[in-house]
Amino acid sequence: MKITKVTRLNAERVLHKTVDILKSGGIIAYPTETFYGLGVMYDLEASLDRLYAVKQRPQEKPMPLIIGNRGLLSSIVDSINASAESLMDRFWPGPLTLLLPARKNVSRFITAGTGRVAVRIPGESIALSLAGITGFPITATSANPSGLPPAEDAETVIEYFGDAIDLVIDAGPTPGGLPSTIVDATGDVIKILREGAIKKESLLIFSKKVPFDFQ
């Protein structure tokens, strides 16, 4: 495992080297606006398989993605309705994960056979900078073995995974708090699956524009 501390002076160089590691099949850990996440390139089957094994993640659980811009949605998403577009306009970049209809060629490791893909543009963080230069989606599962708390700093990532991953981007502690809010935006009525950093109250206010199921 390589550990790289990122600063304003070396950030661009570090991020470009990180893209090379992703393209070569590596697993990286990187800070988001909430916790550290684990990233692999979205369409490398061997890397995705390895990531599930490293996290000890049940394969019936889908693997969320981050992207740097909405133009990349066409590589993973089959269709986007008006309600989903409105949510993106309001809450992206930020901690709102949308479930959208997946393209048929999206890996089973990403969809877990659900026909849906979970994706967001992350809020201000190394994750956003990284997603902005990759040119492809990367996974954004939390950096922890399944069942353990998500890592808020590089030291915890190292404690959890050691040499099982290839690179840790160390930008200091993350804010922690709550993970992203997850909503199902595959239909015209939006369903909240997990209330997280974006609270139900914020979505309730927004429901004047987008129909929500708050049950």
N, C-alpha and C. Protein backbone atom coordinates (compact mmCIF):
# COMPACT_ATOMS: atom_id res chain seq x y z
N MET A 1 0.84 -1.20 0.00
CA MET A 1 0.00 0.00 0.00
C MET A 1 0.88 1.25 0.00
N LYS A 2 0.45 2.22 -0.81
CA LYS A 2 1.13 3.51 -0.83
C LYS A 2 0.24 4.53 -0.14
N ILE A 3 0.83 5.37 0.72
CA ILE A 3 0.11 6.43 1.41
C ILE A 3 0.63 7.77 0.92
N THR A 4 -0.24 8.59 0.38
CA THR A 4 0.17 9.87 -0.17
C THR A 4 -0.59 10.99 0.51
N LYS A 5 0.14 11.89 1.14
CA LYS A 5 -0.48 13.07 1.73
C LYS A 5 -0.70 14.10 0.63
N VAL A 6 -1.90 14.65 0.59
CA VAL A 6 -2.23 15.61 -0.46
C VAL A 6 -2.32 17.02 0.14
N THR A 7 -1.72 17.96 -0.58
CA THR A 7 -1.75 19.37 -0.20
C THR A 7 -2.17 20.18 -1.42
N ARG A 8 -2.37 21.47 -1.20
CA ARG A 8 -2.72 22.32 -2.35
C ARG A 8 -1.61 22.33 -3.39
N LEU A 9 -0.37 22.17 -2.95
CA LEU A 9 0.76 22.23 -3.88
C LEU A 9 0.90 20.98 -4.73
N ASN A 10 0.56 19.81 -4.18
CA ASN A 10 0.77 18.57 -4.94
C ASN A 10 -0.52 17.90 -5.40
N ALA A 11 -1.67 18.54 -5.15
CA ALA A 11 -2.96 17.88 -5.38
C ALA A 11 -3.13 17.43 -6.82
N GLU A 12 -2.81 18.27 -7.78
CA GLU A 12 -3.02 17.90 -9.18
C GLU A 12 -2.17 16.69 -9.56
N ARG A 13 -0.91 16.69 -9.13
CA ARG A 13 -0.02 15.56 -9.45
C ARG A 13 -0.52 14.28 -8.80
N VAL A 14 -0.94 14.37 -7.53
CA VAL A 14 -1.44 13.19 -6.82
C VAL A 14 -2.68 12.63 -7.50
N LEU A 15 -3.58 13.51 -7.89
CA LEU A 15 -4.83 13.04 -8.49
C LEU A 15 -4.59 12.38 -9.84
N HIS A 16 -3.69 12.92 -10.63
CA HIS A 16 -3.40 12.30 -11.93
C HIS A 16 -2.75 10.93 -11.75
N LYS A 17 -1.87 10.80 -10.77
CA LYS A 17 -1.29 9.48 -10.49
C LYS A 17 -2.35 8.51 -9.99
N THR A 18 -3.32 9.04 -9.24
CA THR A 18 -4.41 8.20 -8.75
C THR A 18 -5.23 7.66 -9.89
N VAL A 19 -5.49 8.48 -10.90
CA VAL A 19 -6.24 8.01 -12.08
C VAL A 19 -5.49 6.86 -12.75
N ASP A 20 -4.17 6.96 -12.84
CA ASP A 20 -3.38 5.88 -13.43
C ASP A 20 -3.55 4.58 -12.65
N ILE A 21 -3.57 4.69 -11.32
CA ILE A 21 -3.75 3.51 -10.47
C ILE A 21 -5.12 2.89 -10.71
N LEU A 22 -6.15 3.74 -10.79
CA LEU A 22 -7.49 3.23 -11.05
C LEU A 22 -7.56 2.52 -12.40
N LYS A 23 -6.98 3.13 -13.43
CA LYS A 23 -7.02 2.53 -14.77
C LYS A 23 -6.28 1.21 -14.82
N SER A 24 -5.27 1.05 -13.96
CA SER A 24 -4.50 -0.19 -13.95
C SER A 24 -5.13 -1.26 -13.06
N GLY A 25 -6.30 -0.96 -12.50
CA GLY A 25 -7.03 -1.96 -11.72
C GLY A 25 -6.88 -1.85 -10.22
N GLY A 26 -6.27 -0.77 -9.73
CA GLY A 26 -6.03 -0.64 -8.30
C GLY A 26 -7.24 -0.21 -7.51
N ILE A 27 -7.15 -0.44 -6.19
CA ILE A 27 -8.15 0.04 -5.23
C ILE A 27 -7.55 1.20 -4.47
N ILE A 28 -8.28 2.31 -4.39
CA ILE A 28 -7.79 3.48 -3.68
C ILE A 28 -8.75 3.82 -2.54
N ALA A 29 -8.22 4.52 -1.54
CA ALA A 29 -9.06 5.12 -0.49
C ALA A 29 -8.88 6.63 -0.59
N TYR A 30 -10.00 7.35 -0.52
CA TYR A 30 -9.96 8.79 -0.72
C TYR A 30 -11.00 9.47 0.17
N PRO A 31 -10.73 10.71 0.60
CA PRO A 31 -11.69 11.42 1.47
C PRO A 31 -12.83 12.03 0.67
N THR A 32 -14.04 11.89 1.21
CA THR A 32 -15.21 12.56 0.64
C THR A 32 -15.63 13.67 1.60
N GLU A 33 -16.78 14.26 1.37
CA GLU A 33 -17.26 15.33 2.26
C GLU A 33 -17.85 14.77 3.55
N THR A 34 -17.90 13.45 3.67
CA THR A 34 -18.40 12.83 4.92
C THR A 34 -17.35 11.90 5.52
N PHE A 35 -17.02 10.80 4.81
CA PHE A 35 -16.05 9.81 5.30
C PHE A 35 -15.06 9.48 4.19
N TYR A 36 -14.12 8.58 4.47
CA TYR A 36 -13.27 8.06 3.43
C TYR A 36 -14.05 7.00 2.64
N GLY A 37 -13.78 6.95 1.34
CA GLY A 37 -14.41 5.96 0.48
C GLY A 37 -13.38 5.10 -0.21
N LEU A 38 -13.84 3.99 -0.78
CA LEU A 38 -12.98 3.09 -1.54
C LEU A 38 -13.37 3.17 -3.01
N GLY A 39 -12.37 3.37 -3.86
CA GLY A 39 -12.66 3.55 -5.27
C GLY A 39 -11.95 2.57 -6.18
N VAL A 40 -12.70 2.08 -7.16
CA VAL A 40 -12.13 1.37 -8.31
C VAL A 40 -12.86 1.88 -9.55
N MET A 41 -12.28 1.62 -10.70
CA MET A 41 -12.92 2.01 -11.96
C MET A 41 -14.19 1.19 -12.15
N TYR A 42 -15.24 1.85 -12.58
CA TYR A 42 -16.59 1.27 -12.53
C TYR A 42 -16.81 0.06 -13.43
N ASP A 43 -15.96 -0.12 -14.45
CA ASP A 43 -16.22 -1.19 -15.41
C ASP A 43 -15.09 -2.22 -15.48
N LEU A 44 -14.25 -2.26 -14.45
CA LEU A 44 -13.20 -3.29 -14.39
C LEU A 44 -13.69 -4.41 -13.46
N GLU A 45 -14.14 -5.50 -14.06
CA GLU A 45 -14.78 -6.56 -13.30
C GLU A 45 -13.86 -7.15 -12.22
N ALA A 46 -12.59 -7.37 -12.58
CA ALA A 46 -11.68 -7.96 -11.60
C ALA A 46 -11.48 -7.04 -10.40
N SER A 47 -11.41 -5.73 -10.64
CA SER A 47 -11.24 -4.78 -9.56
C SER A 47 -12.48 -4.73 -8.67
N LEU A 48 -13.64 -4.76 -9.29
CA LEU A 48 -14.89 -4.76 -8.53
C LEU A 48 -15.02 -6.01 -7.67
N ASP A 49 -14.66 -7.15 -8.25
CA ASP A 49 -14.70 -8.41 -7.51
C ASP A 49 -13.76 -8.34 -6.31
N ARG A 50 -12.57 -7.81 -6.54
CA ARG A 50 -11.58 -7.68 -5.47
C ARG A 50 -12.08 -6.73 -4.39
N LEU A 51 -12.74 -5.64 -4.78
CA LEU A 51 -13.26 -4.68 -3.82
C LEU A 51 -14.31 -5.31 -2.91
N TYR A 52 -15.21 -6.09 -3.48
CA TYR A 52 -16.19 -6.79 -2.65
C TYR A 52 -15.51 -7.69 -1.63
N ALA A 53 -14.45 -8.38 -2.08
CA ALA A 53 -13.74 -9.28 -1.18
C ALA A 53 -13.03 -8.51 -0.07
N VAL A 54 -12.39 -7.39 -0.42
CA VAL A 54 -11.67 -6.58 0.56
C VAL A 54 -12.62 -6.03 1.62
N LYS A 55 -13.79 -5.58 1.19
CA LYS A 55 -14.78 -5.02 2.12
C LYS A 55 -15.60 -6.09 2.84
N GLN A 56 -15.49 -7.34 2.35
CA GLN A 56 -16.35 -8.42 2.86
C GLN A 56 -17.81 -8.02 2.70
N ARG A 57 -18.11 -7.45 1.56
CA ARG A 57 -19.44 -6.91 1.28
C ARG A 57 -20.29 -7.98 0.59
N PRO A 58 -21.48 -8.25 1.08
CA PRO A 58 -22.36 -9.21 0.40
C PRO A 58 -22.63 -8.77 -1.03
N GLN A 59 -22.55 -9.69 -1.97
CA GLN A 59 -22.69 -9.32 -3.37
C GLN A 59 -24.12 -8.98 -3.77
N GLU A 60 -25.08 -9.19 -2.86
CA GLU A 60 -26.44 -8.74 -3.15
C GLU A 60 -26.63 -7.25 -2.83
N LYS A 61 -25.58 -6.61 -2.31
CA LYS A 61 -25.66 -5.17 -2.02
C LYS A 61 -24.98 -4.40 -3.16
N PRO A 62 -25.70 -3.48 -3.80
CA PRO A 62 -25.11 -2.71 -4.91
C PRO A 62 -23.93 -1.86 -4.44
N MET A 63 -23.13 -1.42 -5.42
CA MET A 63 -21.95 -0.61 -5.14
C MET A 63 -22.16 0.81 -5.68
N PRO A 64 -22.24 1.82 -4.81
CA PRO A 64 -22.51 3.18 -5.28
C PRO A 64 -21.33 3.77 -6.04
N LEU A 65 -21.64 4.78 -6.87
CA LEU A 65 -20.65 5.43 -7.72
C LEU A 65 -20.66 6.93 -7.49
N ILE A 66 -19.53 7.56 -7.80
CA ILE A 66 -19.48 9.02 -7.93
C ILE A 66 -19.03 9.37 -9.33
N ILE A 67 -19.47 10.55 -9.78
CA ILE A 67 -19.05 11.08 -11.08
C ILE A 67 -18.68 12.55 -10.90
N GLY A 68 -17.94 13.07 -11.87
CA GLY A 68 -17.51 14.46 -11.78
C GLY A 68 -18.43 15.44 -12.48
N ASN A 69 -19.27 14.92 -13.39
CA ASN A 69 -20.22 15.78 -14.09
C ASN A 69 -21.37 14.94 -14.61
N ARG A 70 -22.49 15.59 -14.86
CA ARG A 70 -23.68 14.88 -15.27
C ARG A 70 -23.57 14.26 -16.65
N GLY A 71 -22.63 14.74 -17.46
CA GLY A 71 -22.42 14.15 -18.77
C GLY A 71 -22.04 12.68 -18.71
N LEU A 72 -21.44 12.26 -17.59
CA LEU A 72 -21.03 10.86 -17.44
C LEU A 72 -22.20 9.94 -17.14
N LEU A 73 -23.35 10.49 -16.81
CA LEU A 73 -24.50 9.64 -16.51
C LEU A 73 -24.88 8.76 -17.70
N SER A 74 -24.64 9.23 -18.91
CA SER A 74 -25.03 8.46 -20.09
C SER A 74 -24.28 7.13 -20.20
N SER A 75 -23.14 7.01 -19.51
CA SER A 75 -22.37 5.76 -19.56
C SER A 75 -22.93 4.69 -18.63
N ILE A 76 -23.79 5.10 -17.68
CA ILE A 76 -24.28 4.15 -16.69
C ILE A 76 -25.80 4.15 -16.52
N VAL A 77 -26.46 5.21 -16.98
CA VAL A 77 -27.89 5.39 -16.70
C VAL A 77 -28.68 5.29 -18.01
N ASP A 78 -29.79 4.56 -17.95
CA ASP A 78 -30.63 4.34 -19.13
C ASP A 78 -31.55 5.52 -19.40
N SER A 79 -32.11 6.11 -18.34
CA SER A 79 -33.03 7.23 -18.51
C SER A 79 -33.07 8.06 -17.23
N ILE A 80 -33.44 9.32 -17.38
CA ILE A 80 -33.54 10.24 -16.24
C ILE A 80 -34.84 11.01 -16.38
N ASN A 81 -35.69 10.91 -15.37
CA ASN A 81 -36.97 11.62 -15.45
C ASN A 81 -36.83 13.05 -14.93
N ALA A 82 -37.90 13.82 -15.08
CA ALA A 82 -37.87 15.23 -14.70
C ALA A 82 -37.64 15.42 -13.21
N SER A 83 -38.20 14.52 -12.39
CA SER A 83 -38.01 14.63 -10.94
C SER A 83 -36.55 14.46 -10.57
N ALA A 84 -35.88 13.48 -11.17
CA ALA A 84 -34.46 13.25 -10.91
C ALA A 84 -33.63 14.45 -11.35
N GLU A 85 -33.96 15.01 -12.51
CA GLU A 85 -33.23 16.19 -13.00
C GLU A 85 -33.36 17.35 -12.01
N SER A 86 -34.55 17.52 -11.45
CA SER A 86 -34.75 18.61 -10.48
C SER A 86 -33.93 18.41 -9.22
N LEU A 87 -33.84 17.16 -8.76
CA LEU A 87 -33.03 16.86 -7.58
C LEU A 87 -31.55 17.13 -7.85
N MET A 88 -31.07 16.76 -9.03
CA MET A 88 -29.68 17.03 -9.39
C MET A 88 -29.42 18.54 -9.41
N ASP A 89 -30.37 19.29 -9.98
CA ASP A 89 -30.20 20.74 -10.05
C ASP A 89 -30.06 21.35 -8.65
N ARG A 90 -30.81 20.81 -7.70
CA ARG A 90 -30.84 21.40 -6.35
C ARG A 90 -29.72 20.88 -5.45
N PHE A 91 -29.41 19.58 -5.50
CA PHE A 91 -28.58 18.98 -4.46
C PHE A 91 -27.21 18.48 -4.92
N TRP A 92 -26.93 18.54 -6.22
CA TRP A 92 -25.59 18.16 -6.70
C TRP A 92 -24.79 19.40 -7.04
N PRO A 93 -23.49 19.44 -6.75
CA PRO A 93 -22.72 18.45 -5.97
C PRO A 93 -23.19 18.42 -4.51
N GLY A 94 -23.14 17.24 -3.91
CA GLY A 94 -23.54 17.13 -2.51
C GLY A 94 -23.89 15.71 -2.13
N PRO A 95 -24.22 15.52 -0.85
CA PRO A 95 -24.42 14.16 -0.32
C PRO A 95 -25.82 13.60 -0.57
N LEU A 96 -26.24 13.60 -1.84
CA LEU A 96 -27.50 12.98 -2.23
C LEU A 96 -27.22 11.93 -3.29
N THR A 97 -27.45 10.67 -2.93
CA THR A 97 -27.28 9.56 -3.86
C THR A 97 -28.62 9.23 -4.49
N LEU A 98 -28.64 9.20 -5.82
CA LEU A 98 -29.86 8.89 -6.55
C LEU A 98 -29.78 7.48 -7.13
N LEU A 99 -30.85 6.72 -6.96
CA LEU A 99 -30.99 5.45 -7.66
C LEU A 99 -31.69 5.73 -8.98
N LEU A 100 -31.05 5.33 -10.07
CA LEU A 100 -31.56 5.58 -11.42
C LEU A 100 -31.53 4.29 -12.23
N PRO A 101 -32.34 4.19 -13.29
CA PRO A 101 -32.34 2.97 -14.11
C PRO A 101 -30.98 2.77 -14.77
N ALA A 102 -30.42 1.58 -14.60
CA ALA A 102 -29.07 1.31 -15.11
C ALA A 102 -29.10 0.86 -16.57
N ARG A 103 -28.07 1.23 -17.31
CA ARG A 103 -27.88 0.68 -18.64
C ARG A 103 -27.61 -0.82 -18.53
N LYS A 104 -27.96 -1.54 -19.57
CA LYS A 104 -27.84 -3.00 -19.52
C LYS A 104 -26.39 -3.48 -19.41
N ASN A 105 -25.45 -2.65 -19.87
CA ASN A 105 -24.04 -3.06 -19.84
C ASN A 105 -23.34 -2.76 -18.52
N VAL A 106 -24.04 -2.16 -17.55
CA VAL A 106 -23.42 -1.85 -16.25
C VAL A 106 -23.18 -3.15 -15.48
N SER A 107 -22.02 -3.26 -14.88
CA SER A 107 -21.61 -4.49 -14.20
C SER A 107 -22.61 -4.93 -13.13
N ARG A 108 -22.78 -6.22 -13.01
CA ARG A 108 -23.63 -6.79 -11.95
C ARG A 108 -23.07 -6.43 -10.57
N PHE A 109 -21.76 -6.16 -10.47
CA PHE A 109 -21.19 -5.74 -9.20
C PHE A 109 -21.71 -4.37 -8.78
N ILE A 110 -22.06 -3.54 -9.75
CA ILE A 110 -22.57 -2.21 -9.46
C ILE A 110 -24.07 -2.27 -9.12
N THR A 111 -24.82 -3.04 -9.88
CA THR A 111 -26.28 -3.07 -9.71
C THR A 111 -26.76 -4.15 -8.77
N ALA A 112 -25.96 -5.19 -8.54
CA ALA A 112 -26.37 -6.36 -7.74
C ALA A 112 -27.68 -6.95 -8.28
N GLY A 113 -27.87 -6.84 -9.58
CA GLY A 113 -29.04 -7.43 -10.21
C GLY A 113 -30.33 -6.66 -10.02
N THR A 114 -30.24 -5.42 -9.51
CA THR A 114 -31.45 -4.64 -9.23
C THR A 114 -31.97 -3.88 -10.45
N GLY A 115 -31.10 -3.73 -11.46
CA GLY A 115 -31.46 -2.90 -12.60
C GLY A 115 -31.34 -1.42 -12.33
N ARG A 116 -30.78 -1.07 -11.18
CA ARG A 116 -30.62 0.33 -10.80
C ARG A 116 -29.16 0.60 -10.47
N VAL A 117 -28.75 1.86 -10.62
CA VAL A 117 -27.41 2.28 -10.26
C VAL A 117 -27.53 3.45 -9.28
N ALA A 118 -26.69 3.43 -8.23
CA ALA A 118 -26.67 4.49 -7.22
C ALA A 118 -25.51 5.43 -7.54
N VAL A 119 -25.80 6.72 -7.69
CA VAL A 119 -24.76 7.65 -8.15
C VAL A 119 -25.00 9.04 -7.59
N ARG A 120 -23.89 9.78 -7.42
CA ARG A 120 -23.97 11.18 -7.03
C ARG A 120 -22.73 11.91 -7.50
N ILE A 121 -22.83 13.23 -7.56
CA ILE A 121 -21.65 14.09 -7.67
C ILE A 121 -21.34 14.54 -6.25
N PRO A 122 -20.17 14.21 -5.71
CA PRO A 122 -19.90 14.53 -4.30
C PRO A 122 -19.74 16.02 -4.07
N GLY A 123 -19.94 16.41 -2.80
CA GLY A 123 -19.72 17.80 -2.41
C GLY A 123 -18.24 18.14 -2.37
N GLU A 124 -17.93 19.36 -2.00
CA GLU A 124 -16.56 19.88 -2.01
C GLU A 124 -15.65 18.98 -1.19
N SER A 125 -14.65 18.38 -1.85
CA SER A 125 -13.77 17.40 -1.22
C SER A 125 -12.77 16.91 -2.24
N ILE A 126 -11.81 16.11 -1.77
CA ILE A 126 -10.90 15.42 -2.70
C ILE A 126 -11.70 14.54 -3.65
N ALA A 127 -12.78 13.94 -3.15
CA ALA A 127 -13.61 13.08 -3.99
C ALA A 127 -14.13 13.85 -5.21
N LEU A 128 -14.57 15.08 -5.01
CA LEU A 128 -15.07 15.87 -6.13
C LEU A 128 -13.95 16.19 -7.11
N SER A 129 -12.79 16.56 -6.59
CA SER A 129 -11.65 16.85 -7.47
C SER A 129 -11.24 15.63 -8.26
N LEU A 130 -11.21 14.47 -7.59
CA LEU A 130 -10.83 13.24 -8.27
C LEU A 130 -11.85 12.87 -9.34
N ALA A 131 -13.13 12.90 -8.97
CA ALA A 131 -14.17 12.57 -9.94
C ALA A 131 -14.15 13.51 -11.14
N GLY A 132 -13.69 14.74 -10.90
CA GLY A 132 -13.67 15.72 -11.97
C GLY A 132 -12.62 15.48 -13.03
N ILE A 133 -11.57 14.73 -12.69
CA ILE A 133 -10.50 14.52 -13.68
C ILE A 133 -10.45 13.10 -14.22
N THR A 134 -11.21 12.17 -13.64
CA THR A 134 -11.12 10.78 -14.09
C THR A 134 -11.69 10.58 -15.48
N GLY A 135 -12.83 11.22 -15.76
CA GLY A 135 -13.49 10.97 -17.04
C GLY A 135 -14.32 9.70 -17.04
N PHE A 136 -14.43 9.05 -15.88
CA PHE A 136 -15.26 7.85 -15.75
C PHE A 136 -15.77 7.76 -14.32
N PRO A 137 -16.89 7.04 -14.09
CA PRO A 137 -17.37 6.86 -12.72
C PRO A 137 -16.41 5.98 -11.92
N ILE A 138 -16.35 6.23 -10.61
CA ILE A 138 -15.61 5.35 -9.70
C ILE A 138 -16.50 4.98 -8.53
N THR A 139 -16.19 3.86 -7.90
CA THR A 139 -17.00 3.43 -6.77
C THR A 139 -16.78 4.36 -5.58
N ALA A 140 -17.80 4.40 -4.73
CA ALA A 140 -17.77 5.31 -3.58
C ALA A 140 -18.32 4.62 -2.34
N THR A 141 -18.00 3.35 -2.19
CA THR A 141 -18.43 2.65 -0.99
C THR A 141 -17.58 3.10 0.19
N SER A 142 -18.15 3.13 1.37
CA SER A 142 -17.41 3.63 2.53
C SER A 142 -16.21 2.75 2.84
N ALA A 143 -15.16 3.39 3.37
CA ALA A 143 -13.89 2.69 3.62
C ALA A 143 -13.94 1.99 4.97
N ASN A 144 -14.61 0.86 4.99
CA ASN A 144 -14.68 0.03 6.19
C ASN A 144 -15.09 -1.37 5.79
N PRO A 145 -14.60 -2.39 6.50
CA PRO A 145 -15.17 -3.72 6.30
C PRO A 145 -16.64 -3.70 6.71
N SER A 146 -17.46 -4.46 6.02
CA SER A 146 -18.89 -4.47 6.31
C SER A 146 -19.14 -4.73 7.79
N GLY A 147 -19.99 -3.89 8.38
CA GLY A 147 -20.34 -4.05 9.78
C GLY A 147 -19.55 -3.18 10.73
N LEU A 148 -18.46 -2.54 10.26
CA LEU A 148 -17.65 -1.66 11.10
C LEU A 148 -17.92 -0.20 10.73
N PRO A 149 -17.61 0.73 11.65
CA PRO A 149 -17.88 2.15 11.35
C PRO A 149 -17.04 2.64 10.17
N PRO A 150 -17.58 3.56 9.37
CA PRO A 150 -16.80 4.12 8.26
C PRO A 150 -15.60 4.91 8.78
N ALA A 151 -14.52 4.86 8.03
CA ALA A 151 -13.28 5.54 8.43
C ALA A 151 -13.38 7.04 8.21
N GLU A 152 -13.00 7.80 9.22
CA GLU A 152 -12.98 9.26 9.13
C GLU A 152 -11.58 9.80 8.86
N ASP A 153 -10.56 8.95 8.91
CA ASP A 153 -9.19 9.41 8.67
C ASP A 153 -8.38 8.28 8.03
N ALA A 154 -7.21 8.66 7.50
CA ALA A 154 -6.37 7.70 6.80
C ALA A 154 -5.86 6.61 7.73
N GLU A 155 -5.60 6.96 8.97
CA GLU A 155 -5.08 5.98 9.92
C GLU A 155 -6.06 4.83 10.11
N THR A 156 -7.34 5.14 10.17
CA THR A 156 -8.34 4.09 10.33
C THR A 156 -8.43 3.24 9.08
N VAL A 157 -8.33 3.87 7.90
CA VAL A 157 -8.32 3.10 6.65
C VAL A 157 -7.18 2.09 6.66
N ILE A 158 -5.99 2.55 7.08
CA ILE A 158 -4.82 1.67 7.11
C ILE A 158 -5.02 0.55 8.11
N GLU A 159 -5.60 0.88 9.26
CA GLU A 159 -5.88 -0.14 10.27
C GLU A 159 -6.84 -1.19 9.73
N TYR A 160 -7.84 -0.75 8.99
CA TYR A 160 -8.84 -1.67 8.45
C TYR A 160 -8.28 -2.58 7.36
N PHE A 161 -7.49 -2.00 6.43
CA PHE A 161 -7.20 -2.72 5.20
C PHE A 161 -5.73 -3.04 4.96
N GLY A 162 -4.81 -2.33 5.59
CA GLY A 162 -3.40 -2.62 5.38
C GLY A 162 -3.03 -2.68 3.91
N ASP A 163 -2.30 -3.72 3.52
CA ASP A 163 -1.83 -3.84 2.14
C ASP A 163 -2.87 -4.42 1.19
N ALA A 164 -4.11 -4.58 1.65
CA ALA A 164 -5.16 -5.11 0.78
C ALA A 164 -5.61 -4.09 -0.26
N ILE A 165 -5.28 -2.80 -0.04
CA ILE A 165 -5.59 -1.78 -1.04
C ILE A 165 -4.28 -1.15 -1.51
N ASP A 166 -4.36 -0.40 -2.62
CA ASP A 166 -3.14 0.03 -3.30
C ASP A 166 -2.69 1.44 -2.95
N LEU A 167 -3.63 2.32 -2.61
CA LEU A 167 -3.28 3.72 -2.34
C LEU A 167 -4.26 4.31 -1.35
N VAL A 168 -3.72 5.08 -0.40
CA VAL A 168 -4.55 5.90 0.48
C VAL A 168 -4.18 7.36 0.24
N ILE A 169 -5.15 8.16 -0.16
CA ILE A 169 -4.94 9.60 -0.29
C ILE A 169 -5.27 10.22 1.06
N ASP A 170 -4.26 10.73 1.73
CA ASP A 170 -4.41 11.25 3.08
C ASP A 170 -4.54 12.77 3.02
N ALA A 171 -5.76 13.25 3.25
CA ALA A 171 -6.00 14.70 3.32
C ALA A 171 -6.45 15.10 4.71
N GLY A 172 -6.08 14.29 5.70
CA GLY A 172 -6.49 14.58 7.07
C GLY A 172 -7.88 14.04 7.36
N PRO A 173 -8.39 14.32 8.55
CA PRO A 173 -9.72 13.81 8.93
C PRO A 173 -10.83 14.40 8.06
N THR A 174 -11.84 13.59 7.81
CA THR A 174 -13.04 14.07 7.13
C THR A 174 -14.04 14.58 8.17
N PRO A 175 -15.08 15.30 7.74
CA PRO A 175 -16.05 15.83 8.70
C PRO A 175 -16.84 14.77 9.44
N GLY A 176 -16.96 13.58 8.86
CA GLY A 176 -17.77 12.54 9.51
C GLY A 176 -19.24 12.91 9.44
N GLY A 177 -19.94 12.66 10.54
CA GLY A 177 -21.37 12.96 10.57
C GLY A 177 -22.19 11.87 9.94
N LEU A 178 -23.12 12.25 9.08
CA LEU A 178 -24.02 11.30 8.45
C LEU A 178 -23.58 11.01 7.02
N PRO A 179 -23.84 9.81 6.53
CA PRO A 179 -23.54 9.49 5.13
C PRO A 179 -24.52 10.19 4.21
N SER A 180 -24.37 9.96 2.91
CA SER A 180 -25.28 10.59 1.96
C SER A 180 -26.70 10.07 2.14
N THR A 181 -27.64 10.92 1.82
CA THR A 181 -29.04 10.52 1.75
C THR A 181 -29.26 9.76 0.45
N ILE A 182 -30.02 8.68 0.50
CA ILE A 182 -30.29 7.86 -0.69
C ILE A 182 -31.77 7.94 -1.02
N VAL A 183 -32.07 8.27 -2.27
CA VAL A 183 -33.45 8.28 -2.72
C VAL A 183 -33.58 7.48 -4.01
N ASP A 184 -34.70 6.82 -4.16
CA ASP A 184 -35.03 6.09 -5.38
C ASP A 184 -35.71 7.05 -6.33
N ALA A 185 -35.03 7.40 -7.41
CA ALA A 185 -35.56 8.34 -8.38
C ALA A 185 -35.88 7.65 -9.70
N THR A 186 -36.14 6.34 -9.65
CA THR A 186 -36.45 5.61 -10.88
C THR A 186 -37.87 5.87 -11.36
N GLY A 187 -38.76 6.29 -10.45
CA GLY A 187 -40.14 6.59 -10.82
C GLY A 187 -40.44 8.06 -10.67
N ASP A 188 -41.64 8.45 -11.05
CA ASP A 188 -42.01 9.86 -10.94
C ASP A 188 -42.18 10.30 -9.49
N VAL A 189 -42.55 9.36 -8.60
CA VAL A 189 -42.64 9.64 -7.17
C VAL A 189 -41.35 9.19 -6.51
N ILE A 190 -40.65 10.10 -5.84
CA ILE A 190 -39.35 9.83 -5.24
C ILE A 190 -39.53 9.19 -3.87
N LYS A 191 -38.74 8.14 -3.60
CA LYS A 191 -38.83 7.45 -2.31
C LYS A 191 -37.52 7.59 -1.55
N ILE A 192 -37.58 7.98 -0.30
CA ILE A 192 -36.39 8.09 0.53
C ILE A 192 -36.06 6.71 1.09
N LEU A 193 -34.87 6.20 0.76
CA LEU A 193 -34.43 4.90 1.24
C LEU A 193 -33.54 5.01 2.46
N ARG A 194 -32.77 6.11 2.57
CA ARG A 194 -31.94 6.35 3.74
C ARG A 194 -31.82 7.85 3.96
N GLU A 195 -32.25 8.30 5.12
CA GLU A 195 -32.07 9.71 5.46
C GLU A 195 -30.66 9.90 6.02
N GLY A 196 -29.91 10.78 5.41
CA GLY A 196 -28.53 11.01 5.83
C GLY A 196 -28.24 12.49 5.99
N ALA A 197 -27.16 12.94 5.34
CA ALA A 197 -26.70 14.31 5.51
C ALA A 197 -27.73 15.34 5.03
N ILE A 198 -28.49 15.00 4.00
CA ILE A 198 -29.59 15.86 3.57
C ILE A 198 -30.85 15.37 4.28
N LYS A 199 -31.41 16.22 5.13
CA LYS A 199 -32.49 15.80 6.00
C LYS A 199 -33.83 15.76 5.27
N LYS A 200 -34.72 14.97 5.82
CA LYS A 200 -36.05 14.83 5.25
C LYS A 200 -36.75 16.18 5.14
N GLU A 201 -36.49 17.07 6.11
CA GLU A 201 -37.12 18.38 6.09
C GLU A 201 -36.74 19.17 4.84
N SER A 202 -35.48 19.06 4.43
CA SER A 202 -35.04 19.74 3.21
C SER A 202 -35.74 19.19 1.98
N LEU A 203 -35.91 17.88 1.97
CA LEU A 203 -36.61 17.25 0.85
C LEU A 203 -38.10 17.56 0.89
N LEU A 204 -38.64 17.71 2.09
CA LEU A 204 -40.06 18.04 2.23
C LEU A 204 -40.34 19.41 1.63
N ILE A 205 -39.45 20.36 1.89
CA ILE A 205 -39.59 21.70 1.30
C ILE A 205 -39.52 21.60 -0.22
N PHE A 206 -38.61 20.77 -0.70
CA PHE A 206 -38.42 20.63 -2.14
C PHE A 206 -39.57 19.85 -2.79
N SER A 207 -40.37 19.13 -1.98
CA SER A 207 -41.43 18.29 -2.53
C SER A 207 -42.52 19.08 -3.23
N LYS A 208 -42.51 20.41 -3.07
CA LYS A 208 -43.45 21.23 -3.83
C LYS A 208 -43.14 21.16 -5.32
N LYS A 209 -41.88 20.86 -5.65
CA LYS A 209 -41.47 20.73 -7.05
C LYS A 209 -41.43 19.28 -7.50
N VAL A 210 -41.07 18.39 -6.58
CA VAL A 210 -40.88 16.98 -6.91
C VAL A 210 -41.77 16.13 -5.99
N PRO A 211 -42.60 15.25 -6.55
CA PRO A 211 -43.46 14.42 -5.69
C PRO A 211 -42.66 13.37 -4.92
N PHE A 212 -42.78 13.39 -3.56
CA PHE A 212 -42.06 12.47 -2.70
C PHE A 212 -43.03 11.54 -1.99
N ASP A 213 -42.58 10.33 -1.75
CA ASP A 213 -43.28 9.40 -0.86
C ASP A 213 -42.53 9.43 0.47
N PHE A 214 -43.10 10.03 1.51
CA PHE A 214 -42.44 10.19 2.79
C PHE A 214 -42.84 9.12 3.81
N GLN A 215 -43.44 8.05 3.36
CA GLN A 215 -43.84 7.00 4.30
C GLN A 215 -42.61 6.26 4.82
